[in-house]
Amino acid sequence: MYINPMSWYEANELPYRVETFGWVGWCGVFTEDPEGNTVELVAYDDSIKVASELDSR
């Protein structure tokens, strides 16, 4: 079962930020744990890499 992490963060009123890494086709969701460490969730998305390659032309 897949749960969208951004929906979960919003439902629990937790802060997060999203970044895309076009050269590798990743989408990253960043947040912090209770001790202040950065936690990153990444997923490959072929459409991000394709869009990045089109933008570089």
C-alpha atoms as a PDB file:
ATOM      1  CA  MET A   1       0.000   0.000   0.000  1.00  0.00           C
ATOM      2  CA  TYR A   2       1.378   3.400  -1.021  1.00  0.00           C
ATOM      3  CA  ILE A   3       0.772   6.437   1.185  1.00  0.00           C
ATOM      4  CA  ASN A   4       1.658   9.879  -0.132  1.00  0.00           C
ATOM      5  CA  PRO A   5       4.083  11.269   2.477  1.00  0.00           C
ATOM      6  CA  MET A   6       3.092  14.884   1.810  1.00  0.00           C
ATOM      7  CA  SER A   7      -0.571  14.095   2.556  1.00  0.00           C
ATOM      8  CA  TRP A   8       0.492  12.366   5.760  1.00  0.00           C
ATOM      9  CA  TYR A   9       2.649  15.324   6.845  1.00  0.00           C
ATOM     10  CA  GLU A  10      -0.203  17.747   6.112  1.00  0.00           C
ATOM     11  CA  ALA A  11      -2.781  15.605   7.964  1.00  0.00           C
ATOM     12  CA  ASN A  12      -0.449  15.562  10.983  1.00  0.00           C
ATOM     13  CA  GLU A  13       0.430  19.270  10.623  1.00  0.00           C
ATOM     14  CA  LEU A  14       4.137  18.533  10.244  1.00  0.00           C
ATOM     15  CA  PRO A  15       6.482  20.751   8.194  1.00  0.00           C
ATOM     16  CA  TYR A  16       8.191  19.440   5.058  1.00  0.00           C
ATOM     17  CA  ARG A  17       9.708  20.694   1.821  1.00  0.00           C
ATOM     18  CA  VAL A  18       9.969  19.146  -1.625  1.00  0.00           C
ATOM     19  CA  GLU A  19      12.885  19.306  -4.061  1.00  0.00           C
ATOM     20  CA  THR A  20      13.362  17.719  -7.461  1.00  0.00           C
ATOM     21  CA  PHE A  21      16.679  16.420  -8.729  1.00  0.00           C
ATOM     22  CA  GLY A  22      16.219  16.369 -12.480  1.00  0.00           C
ATOM     23  CA  TRP A  23      19.599  14.970 -13.413  1.00  0.00           C
ATOM     24  CA  VAL A  24      18.726  11.695 -11.651  1.00  0.00           C
ATOM     25  CA  GLY A  25      14.922  11.847 -11.889  1.00  0.00           C
ATOM     26  CA  TRP A  26      14.308  12.028  -8.130  1.00  0.00           C
ATOM     27  CA  CYS A  27      11.715  13.807  -6.065  1.00  0.00           C
ATOM     28  CA  GLY A  28      12.795  14.368  -2.465  1.00  0.00           C
ATOM     29  CA  VAL A  29      10.613  15.171   0.537  1.00  0.00           C
ATOM     30  CA  PHE A  30      12.557  16.626   3.469  1.00  0.00           C
ATOM     31  CA  THR A  31      11.537  16.975   7.107  1.00  0.00           C
ATOM     32  CA  GLU A  32      13.203  16.796  10.527  1.00  0.00           C
ATOM     33  CA  ASP A  33      13.069  14.157  13.234  1.00  0.00           C
ATOM     34  CA  PRO A  34      12.429  15.147  16.877  1.00  0.00           C
ATOM     35  CA  GLU A  35      16.178  15.587  17.455  1.00  0.00           C
ATOM     36  CA  GLY A  36      16.506  18.055  14.562  1.00  0.00           C
ATOM     37  CA  ASN A  37      18.146  15.684  12.055  1.00  0.00           C
ATOM     38  CA  THR A  38      17.123  16.049   8.429  1.00  0.00           C
ATOM     39  CA  VAL A  39      15.150  13.108   7.067  1.00  0.00           C
ATOM     40  CA  GLU A  40      14.895  12.694   3.284  1.00  0.00           C
ATOM     41  CA  LEU A  41      12.484  10.449   1.421  1.00  0.00           C
ATOM     42  CA  VAL A  42      13.298  10.048  -2.275  1.00  0.00           C
ATOM     43  CA  ALA A  43      11.530   8.356  -5.134  1.00  0.00           C
ATOM     44  CA  TYR A  44      12.463   7.947  -8.782  1.00  0.00           C
ATOM     45  CA  ASP A  45      10.093   9.577 -11.262  1.00  0.00           C
ATOM     46  CA  ASP A  46      10.961   9.136 -14.916  1.00  0.00           C
ATOM     47  CA  SER A  47       8.901  12.202 -15.866  1.00  0.00           C
ATOM     48  CA  ILE A  48      11.195  14.442 -13.772  1.00  0.00           C
ATOM     49  CA  LYS A  49      14.310  13.217 -15.591  1.00  0.00           C
ATOM     50  CA  VAL A  50      12.632  13.577 -18.986  1.00  0.00           C
ATOM     51  CA  ALA A  51      11.476  17.130 -18.158  1.00  0.00           C
ATOM     52  CA  SER A  52      14.980  18.033 -16.964  1.00  0.00           C
ATOM     53  CA  GLU A  53      16.528  16.720 -20.174  1.00  0.00           C
ATOM     54  CA  LEU A  54      14.046  18.723 -22.269  1.00  0.00           C
ATOM     55  CA  ASP A  55      14.800  21.911 -20.273  1.00  0.00           C
ATOM     56  CA  SER A  56      18.541  21.544 -20.857  1.00  0.00           C
ATOM     57  CA  ARG A  57      18.164  21.681 -24.634  1.00  0.00           C
END
